[in-house]
Amino acid sequence: MPMTFTPYLVLCAVHLVLLETGPDWSVTATKALLMPLLALGVVLATRGSGLKTPWLLLVVIGLSWAGDVALSFDGMFVVGLGAFLLAHVAYITVFVRMPGGGPSDGAPSGGRIRPPLWALVYVAWFAGFLALLGPHTGVLFVPVALYGLVLGLMAAFAASRGPVMAIGGALFVVSDSVLGLGRFLPGYEFAVSGFDLHDLTVMSTYLAAQLLISIGVLAALRAAAPSSREPGRRAVATAP
């Protein structure tokens, strides 16, 4: 993992501790800084290795930041949902446009990507997601269902790009599933021995997902760089 992500990891740890110990303002403030630090890590990692800046990945991180900020305030749930919906659409585009492609990462040699067979688990997840939460979403049923569909597609496409991004996509599904349970399921409680694990689970899996996907994209760019090398010219991979 590039050392450029160290500030992000440090702030992740601080934020997770503050979720349980800090005042609300500190949680909101640190949450708003997380995605900018992730973006900084991506930019510094690409510059340090001679790769082109993956602008679409940075767009995803920017949309995620907008969703993080929106979800920190009451009455902004739909705005946050929309921001993350667009982020997942952009993530799918990143996976489709990523360099490489071969049996080792789930894509045929022609460059098209095909989710592995095990990714059908997301079909079952989506069905269960709608069956469990759908009756409690009220007027938000359509946007929540659309979000769940796009989230599942994102995770399936991530699964086609190797184990690192597959885990990242799966963790995103875990994070948003727990978030949805807390938002819509009556009587929901996620606690052990009186210790509330809801926010900690949502944020830890979300932050890990974002990091793993970013690392996976950078690794794919580095792996593709030698294929674009020409005599007397530094190798530069095409950024998604």
C-alpha atoms as a PDB file:
ATOM      1  CA  MET A   1       0.000   0.000   0.000  1.00  0.00           C
ATOM      2  CA  PRO A   2       1.423   3.414  -0.946  1.00  0.00           C
ATOM      3  CA  MET A   3       2.607   5.482   2.001  1.00  0.00           C
ATOM      4  CA  THR A   4       0.632   8.392   0.540  1.00  0.00           C
ATOM      5  CA  PHE A   5      -2.462   6.947   2.230  1.00  0.00           C
ATOM      6  CA  THR A   6      -0.973   7.242   5.717  1.00  0.00           C
ATOM      7  CA  PRO A   7      -2.764  10.553   6.551  1.00  0.00           C
ATOM      8  CA  TYR A   8      -6.047   8.974   5.473  1.00  0.00           C
ATOM      9  CA  LEU A   9      -5.469   5.929   7.662  1.00  0.00           C
ATOM     10  CA  VAL A  10      -4.576   8.078  10.661  1.00  0.00           C
ATOM     11  CA  LEU A  11      -7.716  10.183  10.277  1.00  0.00           C
ATOM     12  CA  CYS A  12      -9.797   7.028   9.814  1.00  0.00           C
ATOM     13  CA  ALA A  13      -8.574   5.779  13.187  1.00  0.00           C
ATOM     14  CA  VAL A  14      -9.256   9.139  14.828  1.00  0.00           C
ATOM     15  CA  HIS A  15     -12.739   9.314  13.327  1.00  0.00           C
ATOM     16  CA  LEU A  16     -13.657   5.805  14.446  1.00  0.00           C
ATOM     17  CA  VAL A  17     -12.561   6.569  17.996  1.00  0.00           C
ATOM     18  CA  LEU A  18     -14.516   9.829  17.990  1.00  0.00           C
ATOM     19  CA  LEU A  19     -17.650   7.975  16.893  1.00  0.00           C
ATOM     20  CA  GLU A  20     -17.740   6.451  20.352  1.00  0.00           C
ATOM     21  CA  THR A  21     -16.037   9.096  22.478  1.00  0.00           C
ATOM     22  CA  GLY A  22     -16.102  12.503  20.828  1.00  0.00           C
ATOM     23  CA  PRO A  23     -18.659  15.304  20.606  1.00  0.00           C
ATOM     24  CA  ASP A  24     -20.867  15.419  17.502  1.00  0.00           C
ATOM     25  CA  TRP A  25     -19.004  18.346  15.966  1.00  0.00           C
ATOM     26  CA  SER A  26     -15.728  16.424  15.972  1.00  0.00           C
ATOM     27  CA  VAL A  27     -17.342  13.459  14.242  1.00  0.00           C
ATOM     28  CA  THR A  28     -18.810  15.729  11.562  1.00  0.00           C
ATOM     29  CA  ALA A  29     -15.535  17.594  11.067  1.00  0.00           C
ATOM     30  CA  THR A  30     -13.349  14.506  10.731  1.00  0.00           C
ATOM     31  CA  LYS A  31     -15.859  12.817   8.440  1.00  0.00           C
ATOM     32  CA  ALA A  32     -15.741  15.812   6.092  1.00  0.00           C
ATOM     33  CA  LEU A  33     -11.949  15.507   5.837  1.00  0.00           C
ATOM     34  CA  LEU A  34     -11.735  11.784   5.113  1.00  0.00           C
ATOM     35  CA  MET A  35     -12.432  11.750   1.369  1.00  0.00           C
ATOM     36  CA  PRO A  36     -10.195  14.786   0.650  1.00  0.00           C
ATOM     37  CA  LEU A  37      -7.310  12.910   2.318  1.00  0.00           C
ATOM     38  CA  LEU A  38      -8.094   9.796   0.281  1.00  0.00           C
ATOM     39  CA  ALA A  39      -8.068  11.900  -2.893  1.00  0.00           C
ATOM     40  CA  LEU A  40      -4.755  13.423  -1.848  1.00  0.00           C
ATOM     41  CA  GLY A  41      -3.308   9.953  -1.353  1.00  0.00           C
ATOM     42  CA  VAL A  42      -4.428   8.935  -4.850  1.00  0.00           C
ATOM     43  CA  VAL A  43      -2.951  12.040  -6.475  1.00  0.00           C
ATOM     44  CA  LEU A  44       0.388  11.738  -4.671  1.00  0.00           C
ATOM     45  CA  ALA A  45       0.614   8.017  -5.445  1.00  0.00           C
ATOM     46  CA  THR A  46       0.083   8.564  -9.170  1.00  0.00           C
ATOM     47  CA  ARG A  47       2.563  11.428  -9.359  1.00  0.00           C
ATOM     48  CA  GLY A  48       5.145   9.471  -7.440  1.00  0.00           C
ATOM     49  CA  SER A  49       4.941   6.522  -9.865  1.00  0.00           C
ATOM     50  CA  GLY A  50       4.664   8.423 -13.145  1.00  0.00           C
ATOM     51  CA  LEU A  51       1.044   7.472 -13.813  1.00  0.00           C
ATOM     52  CA  LYS A  52      -1.634   9.726 -15.187  1.00  0.00           C
ATOM     53  CA  THR A  53      -4.048  11.073 -12.610  1.00  0.00           C
ATOM     54  CA  PRO A  54      -7.182   8.879 -12.511  1.00  0.00           C
ATOM     55  CA  TRP A  55      -9.640  11.747 -12.750  1.00  0.00           C
ATOM     56  CA  LEU A  56     -12.749   9.588 -12.804  1.00  0.00           C
ATOM     57  CA  LEU A  57     -11.686   7.930  -9.560  1.00  0.00           C
ATOM     58  CA  LEU A  58     -11.270  11.394  -8.063  1.00  0.00           C
ATOM     59  CA  VAL A  59     -14.787  12.258  -9.250  1.00  0.00           C
ATOM     60  CA  VAL A  60     -16.047   9.187  -7.373  1.00  0.00           C
ATOM     61  CA  ILE A  61     -14.242  10.289  -4.235  1.00  0.00           C
ATOM     62  CA  GLY A  62     -15.640  13.811  -4.636  1.00  0.00           C
ATOM     63  CA  LEU A  63     -19.196  12.498  -4.951  1.00  0.00           C
ATOM     64  CA  SER A  64     -18.610  10.307  -1.909  1.00  0.00           C
ATOM     65  CA  TRP A  65     -17.446  13.374  -0.001  1.00  0.00           C
ATOM     66  CA  ALA A  66     -20.672  15.153  -0.966  1.00  0.00           C
ATOM     67  CA  GLY A  67     -22.637  12.154   0.280  1.00  0.00           C
ATOM     68  CA  ASP A  68     -20.683  12.048   3.538  1.00  0.00           C
ATOM     69  CA  VAL A  69     -21.359  15.717   4.225  1.00  0.00           C
ATOM     70  CA  ALA A  70     -25.043  15.481   3.302  1.00  0.00           C
ATOM     71  CA  LEU A  71     -25.646  12.450   5.518  1.00  0.00           C
ATOM     72  CA  SER A  72     -24.112  14.294   8.452  1.00  0.00           C
ATOM     73  CA  PHE A  73     -27.136  16.613   8.619  1.00  0.00           C
ATOM     74  CA  ASP A  74     -30.799  15.963   9.300  1.00  0.00           C
ATOM     75  CA  GLY A  75     -33.106  16.210   6.318  1.00  0.00           C
ATOM     76  CA  MET A  76     -30.339  15.590   3.773  1.00  0.00           C
ATOM     77  CA  PHE A  77     -30.751  11.826   3.379  1.00  0.00           C
ATOM     78  CA  VAL A  78     -32.072  11.986  -0.190  1.00  0.00           C
ATOM     79  CA  VAL A  79     -29.253  14.323  -1.223  1.00  0.00           C
ATOM     80  CA  GLY A  80     -26.685  11.967   0.271  1.00  0.00           C
ATOM     81  CA  LEU A  81     -28.379   8.979  -1.360  1.00  0.00           C
ATOM     82  CA  GLY A  82     -28.234  10.730  -4.732  1.00  0.00           C
ATOM     83  CA  ALA A  83     -24.558  11.623  -4.343  1.00  0.00           C
ATOM     84  CA  PHE A  84     -23.613   8.039  -3.534  1.00  0.00           C
ATOM     85  CA  LEU A  85     -25.813   6.743  -6.356  1.00  0.00           C
ATOM     86  CA  LEU A  86     -23.825   8.856  -8.811  1.00  0.00           C
ATOM     87  CA  ALA A  87     -20.598   7.717  -7.130  1.00  0.00           C
ATOM     88  CA  HIS A  88     -21.483   4.069  -7.742  1.00  0.00           C
ATOM     89  CA  VAL A  89     -22.354   4.776 -11.378  1.00  0.00           C
ATOM     90  CA  ALA A  90     -18.951   6.432 -11.726  1.00  0.00           C
ATOM     91  CA  TYR A  91     -17.283   3.477  -9.999  1.00  0.00           C
ATOM     92  CA  ILE A  92     -18.860   1.107 -12.539  1.00  0.00           C
ATOM     93  CA  THR A  93     -17.456   3.313 -15.302  1.00  0.00           C
ATOM     94  CA  VAL A  94     -14.022   3.174 -13.659  1.00  0.00           C
ATOM     95  CA  PHE A  95     -14.121  -0.639 -13.585  1.00  0.00           C
ATOM     96  CA  VAL A  96     -15.237  -0.865 -17.211  1.00  0.00           C
ATOM     97  CA  ARG A  97     -12.545   1.544 -18.412  1.00  0.00           C
ATOM     98  CA  MET A  98      -9.692   0.198 -16.312  1.00  0.00           C
ATOM     99  CA  PRO A  99      -6.635  -1.079 -18.207  1.00  0.00           C
ATOM    100  CA  GLY A 100      -5.918  -4.770 -18.312  1.00  0.00           C
ATOM    101  CA  GLY A 101      -8.298  -7.636 -18.655  1.00  0.00           C
ATOM    102  CA  GLY A 102      -7.701 -11.333 -18.697  1.00  0.00           C
ATOM    103  CA  PRO A 103      -8.731 -14.581 -17.078  1.00  0.00           C
ATOM    104  CA  SER A 104      -6.819 -13.709 -13.921  1.00  0.00           C
ATOM    105  CA  ASP A 105      -9.068 -10.805 -13.097  1.00  0.00           C
ATOM    106  CA  GLY A 106     -12.325 -12.138 -14.470  1.00  0.00           C
ATOM    107  CA  ALA A 107     -12.287 -10.372 -17.831  1.00  0.00           C
ATOM    108  CA  PRO A 108     -11.824 -12.116 -21.149  1.00  0.00           C
ATOM    109  CA  SER A 109      -8.732 -11.252 -23.129  1.00  0.00           C
ATOM    110  CA  GLY A 110     -10.711  -9.050 -25.492  1.00  0.00           C
ATOM    111  CA  GLY A 111     -10.914  -6.439 -22.737  1.00  0.00           C
ATOM    112  CA  ARG A 112     -14.568  -6.804 -21.773  1.00  0.00           C
ATOM    113  CA  ILE A 113     -15.185  -7.558 -18.147  1.00  0.00           C
ATOM    114  CA  ARG A 114     -17.540 -10.193 -16.854  1.00  0.00           C
ATOM    115  CA  PRO A 115     -18.378 -10.536 -13.155  1.00  0.00           C
ATOM    116  CA  PRO A 116     -17.471 -13.959 -11.738  1.00  0.00           C
ATOM    117  CA  LEU A 117     -20.182 -16.495 -11.120  1.00  0.00           C
ATOM    118  CA  TRP A 118     -20.033 -15.988  -7.350  1.00  0.00           C
ATOM    119  CA  ALA A 119     -21.119 -12.361  -7.858  1.00  0.00           C
ATOM    120  CA  LEU A 120     -24.650 -13.739  -8.274  1.00  0.00           C
ATOM    121  CA  VAL A 121     -24.728 -13.520  -4.491  1.00  0.00           C
ATOM    122  CA  TYR A 122     -25.529  -9.835  -5.026  1.00  0.00           C
ATOM    123  CA  VAL A 123     -28.750 -10.822  -6.792  1.00  0.00           C
ATOM    124  CA  ALA A 124     -29.782 -12.699  -3.646  1.00  0.00           C
ATOM    125  CA  TRP A 125     -28.627  -9.775  -1.516  1.00  0.00           C
ATOM    126  CA  PHE A 126     -30.723  -7.314  -3.538  1.00  0.00           C
ATOM    127  CA  ALA A 127     -33.818  -9.507  -3.264  1.00  0.00           C
ATOM    128  CA  GLY A 128     -33.361  -9.772   0.488  1.00  0.00           C
ATOM    129  CA  PHE A 129     -32.620  -6.046   0.726  1.00  0.00           C
ATOM    130  CA  LEU A 130     -35.951  -5.184  -0.916  1.00  0.00           C
ATOM    131  CA  ALA A 131     -37.923  -7.822   0.978  1.00  0.00           C
ATOM    132  CA  LEU A 132     -36.603  -6.699   4.369  1.00  0.00           C
ATOM    133  CA  LEU A 133     -36.479  -2.920   3.971  1.00  0.00           C
ATOM    134  CA  GLY A 134     -38.902  -2.221   1.127  1.00  0.00           C
ATOM    135  CA  PRO A 135     -42.071  -2.309   3.234  1.00  0.00           C
ATOM    136  CA  HIS A 136     -40.600   0.316   5.581  1.00  0.00           C
ATOM    137  CA  THR A 137     -39.208   2.809   3.062  1.00  0.00           C
ATOM    138  CA  GLY A 138     -42.536   4.504   2.266  1.00  0.00           C
ATOM    139  CA  VAL A 139     -42.207   7.185  -0.416  1.00  0.00           C
ATOM    140  CA  LEU A 140     -38.486   6.451  -0.641  1.00  0.00           C
ATOM    141  CA  PHE A 141     -39.045   2.939  -1.989  1.00  0.00           C
ATOM    142  CA  VAL A 142     -38.134   3.763  -5.599  1.00  0.00           C
ATOM    143  CA  PRO A 143     -34.943   5.741  -4.877  1.00  0.00           C
ATOM    144  CA  VAL A 144     -33.824   3.220  -2.253  1.00  0.00           C
ATOM    145  CA  ALA A 145     -34.507   0.300  -4.618  1.00  0.00           C
ATOM    146  CA  LEU A 146     -32.646   2.056  -7.438  1.00  0.00           C
ATOM    147  CA  TYR A 147     -29.734   2.737  -5.124  1.00  0.00           C
ATOM    148  CA  GLY A 148     -29.621  -0.892  -4.017  1.00  0.00           C
ATOM    149  CA  LEU A 149     -29.635  -2.065  -7.640  1.00  0.00           C
ATOM    150  CA  VAL A 150     -26.742   0.216  -8.620  1.00  0.00           C
ATOM    151  CA  LEU A 151     -24.822  -0.687  -5.443  1.00  0.00           C
ATOM    152  CA  GLY A 152     -25.141  -4.389  -6.248  1.00  0.00           C
ATOM    153  CA  LEU A 153     -24.000  -3.788  -9.834  1.00  0.00           C
ATOM    154  CA  MET A 154     -21.012  -1.807  -8.599  1.00  0.00           C
ATOM    155  CA  ALA A 155     -19.994  -4.637  -6.270  1.00  0.00           C
ATOM    156  CA  ALA A 156     -20.401  -7.202  -9.053  1.00  0.00           C
ATOM    157  CA  PHE A 157     -18.236  -5.193 -11.447  1.00  0.00           C
ATOM    158  CA  ALA A 158     -15.669  -4.682  -8.677  1.00  0.00           C
ATOM    159  CA  ALA A 159     -15.558  -8.460  -8.263  1.00  0.00           C
ATOM    160  CA  SER A 160     -14.460  -8.773 -11.898  1.00  0.00           C
ATOM    161  CA  ARG A 161     -11.338  -6.706 -11.213  1.00  0.00           C
ATOM    162  CA  GLY A 162      -9.493  -8.919  -8.766  1.00  0.00           C
ATOM    163  CA  PRO A 163      -9.663  -9.753  -5.061  1.00  0.00           C
ATOM    164  CA  VAL A 164      -8.702  -6.330  -3.658  1.00  0.00           C
ATOM    165  CA  MET A 165     -11.501  -4.493  -5.425  1.00  0.00           C
ATOM    166  CA  ALA A 166     -13.868  -7.429  -4.905  1.00  0.00           C
ATOM    167  CA  ILE A 167     -13.400  -7.096  -1.144  1.00  0.00           C
ATOM    168  CA  GLY A 168     -13.827  -3.321  -1.444  1.00  0.00           C
ATOM    169  CA  GLY A 169     -17.110  -3.718  -3.283  1.00  0.00           C
ATOM    170  CA  ALA A 170     -18.355  -6.298  -0.781  1.00  0.00           C
ATOM    171  CA  LEU A 171     -17.490  -4.044   2.157  1.00  0.00           C
ATOM    172  CA  PHE A 172     -19.433  -1.201   0.522  1.00  0.00           C
ATOM    173  CA  VAL A 173     -22.476  -3.483   0.382  1.00  0.00           C
ATOM    174  CA  VAL A 174     -22.022  -4.410   4.048  1.00  0.00           C
ATOM    175  CA  SER A 175     -21.709  -0.760   5.060  1.00  0.00           C
ATOM    176  CA  ASP A 176     -24.793   0.413   3.199  1.00  0.00           C
ATOM    177  CA  SER A 177     -26.812  -2.615   4.292  1.00  0.00           C
ATOM    178  CA  VAL A 178     -26.152  -1.851   7.958  1.00  0.00           C
ATOM    179  CA  LEU A 179     -26.870   1.829   7.288  1.00  0.00           C
ATOM    180  CA  GLY A 180     -30.175   0.889   5.671  1.00  0.00           C
ATOM    181  CA  LEU A 181     -31.146  -1.341   8.578  1.00  0.00           C
ATOM    182  CA  GLY A 182     -30.576   1.502  11.012  1.00  0.00           C
ATOM    183  CA  ARG A 183     -32.483   3.954   8.850  1.00  0.00           C
ATOM    184  CA  PHE A 184     -35.561   1.907   7.965  1.00  0.00           C
ATOM    185  CA  LEU A 185     -35.982  -1.305   9.982  1.00  0.00           C
ATOM    186  CA  PRO A 186     -38.265  -0.858  13.013  1.00  0.00           C
ATOM    187  CA  GLY A 187     -36.793  -2.141  16.255  1.00  0.00           C
ATOM    188  CA  TYR A 188     -33.325  -2.536  14.780  1.00  0.00           C
ATOM    189  CA  GLU A 189     -30.473  -2.519  17.280  1.00  0.00           C
ATOM    190  CA  PHE A 190     -26.839  -3.463  16.745  1.00  0.00           C
ATOM    191  CA  ALA A 191     -25.139  -3.582  20.120  1.00  0.00           C
ATOM    192  CA  VAL A 192     -22.989  -5.978  22.136  1.00  0.00           C
ATOM    193  CA  SER A 193     -22.985  -5.760  25.927  1.00  0.00           C
ATOM    194  CA  GLY A 194     -24.528  -2.319  25.696  1.00  0.00           C
ATOM    195  CA  PHE A 195     -21.867  -1.115  23.233  1.00  0.00           C
ATOM    196  CA  ASP A 196     -23.453   0.346  20.086  1.00  0.00           C
ATOM    197  CA  LEU A 197     -21.714  -1.079  17.026  1.00  0.00           C
ATOM    198  CA  HIS A 198     -23.916   0.453  14.333  1.00  0.00           C
ATOM    199  CA  ASP A 199     -21.976   3.606  13.431  1.00  0.00           C
ATOM    200  CA  LEU A 200     -18.639   1.879  13.956  1.00  0.00           C
ATOM    201  CA  THR A 201     -19.579  -0.911  11.539  1.00  0.00           C
ATOM    202  CA  VAL A 202     -20.993   1.450   8.919  1.00  0.00           C
ATOM    203  CA  MET A 203     -17.952   3.728   8.876  1.00  0.00           C
ATOM    204  CA  SER A 204     -15.185   1.124   9.285  1.00  0.00           C
ATOM    205  CA  THR A 205     -16.444  -0.980   6.370  1.00  0.00           C
ATOM    206  CA  TYR A 206     -17.106   2.116   4.244  1.00  0.00           C
ATOM    207  CA  LEU A 207     -13.653   3.596   4.812  1.00  0.00           C
ATOM    208  CA  ALA A 208     -11.971   0.268   4.128  1.00  0.00           C
ATOM    209  CA  ALA A 209     -14.020  -0.134   0.933  1.00  0.00           C
ATOM    210  CA  GLN A 210     -12.983   3.246  -0.421  1.00  0.00           C
ATOM    211  CA  LEU A 211      -9.325   2.574   0.348  1.00  0.00           C
ATOM    212  CA  LEU A 212      -9.260  -0.906  -1.154  1.00  0.00           C
ATOM    213  CA  ILE A 213     -10.934   0.177  -4.376  1.00  0.00           C
ATOM    214  CA  SER A 214      -8.543   3.112  -4.736  1.00  0.00           C
ATOM    215  CA  ILE A 215      -5.547   0.845  -4.124  1.00  0.00           C
ATOM    216  CA  GLY A 216      -6.913  -1.640  -6.644  1.00  0.00           C
ATOM    217  CA  VAL A 217      -7.317   1.002  -9.337  1.00  0.00           C
ATOM    218  CA  LEU A 218      -3.778   2.280  -8.772  1.00  0.00           C
ATOM    219  CA  ALA A 219      -2.407  -1.263  -8.893  1.00  0.00           C
ATOM    220  CA  ALA A 220      -4.173  -1.877 -12.212  1.00  0.00           C
ATOM    221  CA  LEU A 221      -2.696   1.313 -13.640  1.00  0.00           C
ATOM    222  CA  ARG A 222       0.791   0.284 -12.541  1.00  0.00           C
ATOM    223  CA  ALA A 223       0.380  -3.213 -13.963  1.00  0.00           C
ATOM    224  CA  ALA A 224      -0.681  -1.788 -17.323  1.00  0.00           C
ATOM    225  CA  ALA A 225       2.132   0.781 -17.508  1.00  0.00           C
ATOM    226  CA  PRO A 226       4.810  -1.517 -19.067  1.00  0.00           C
ATOM    227  CA  SER A 227       2.468  -2.335 -21.981  1.00  0.00           C
ATOM    228  CA  SER A 228       2.498   1.326 -23.028  1.00  0.00           C
ATOM    229  CA  ARG A 229       6.297   1.718 -22.866  1.00  0.00           C
ATOM    230  CA  GLU A 230       8.039   2.914 -26.012  1.00  0.00           C
ATOM    231  CA  PRO A 231      11.798   3.207 -26.616  1.00  0.00           C
ATOM    232  CA  GLY A 232      13.144   6.274 -24.864  1.00  0.00           C
ATOM    233  CA  ARG A 233       9.787   7.079 -23.279  1.00  0.00           C
ATOM    234  CA  ARG A 234       8.597   6.644 -19.702  1.00  0.00           C
ATOM    235  CA  ALA A 235       5.703   4.205 -19.295  1.00  0.00           C
ATOM    236  CA  VAL A 236       2.404   5.918 -18.578  1.00  0.00           C
ATOM    237  CA  ALA A 237      -0.839   3.997 -18.120  1.00  0.00           C
ATOM    238  CA  THR A 238      -4.123   5.387 -19.322  1.00  0.00           C
ATOM    239  CA  ALA A 239      -6.143   6.507 -16.317  1.00  0.00           C
ATOM    240  CA  PRO A 240      -9.824   5.590 -16.060  1.00  0.00           C
END
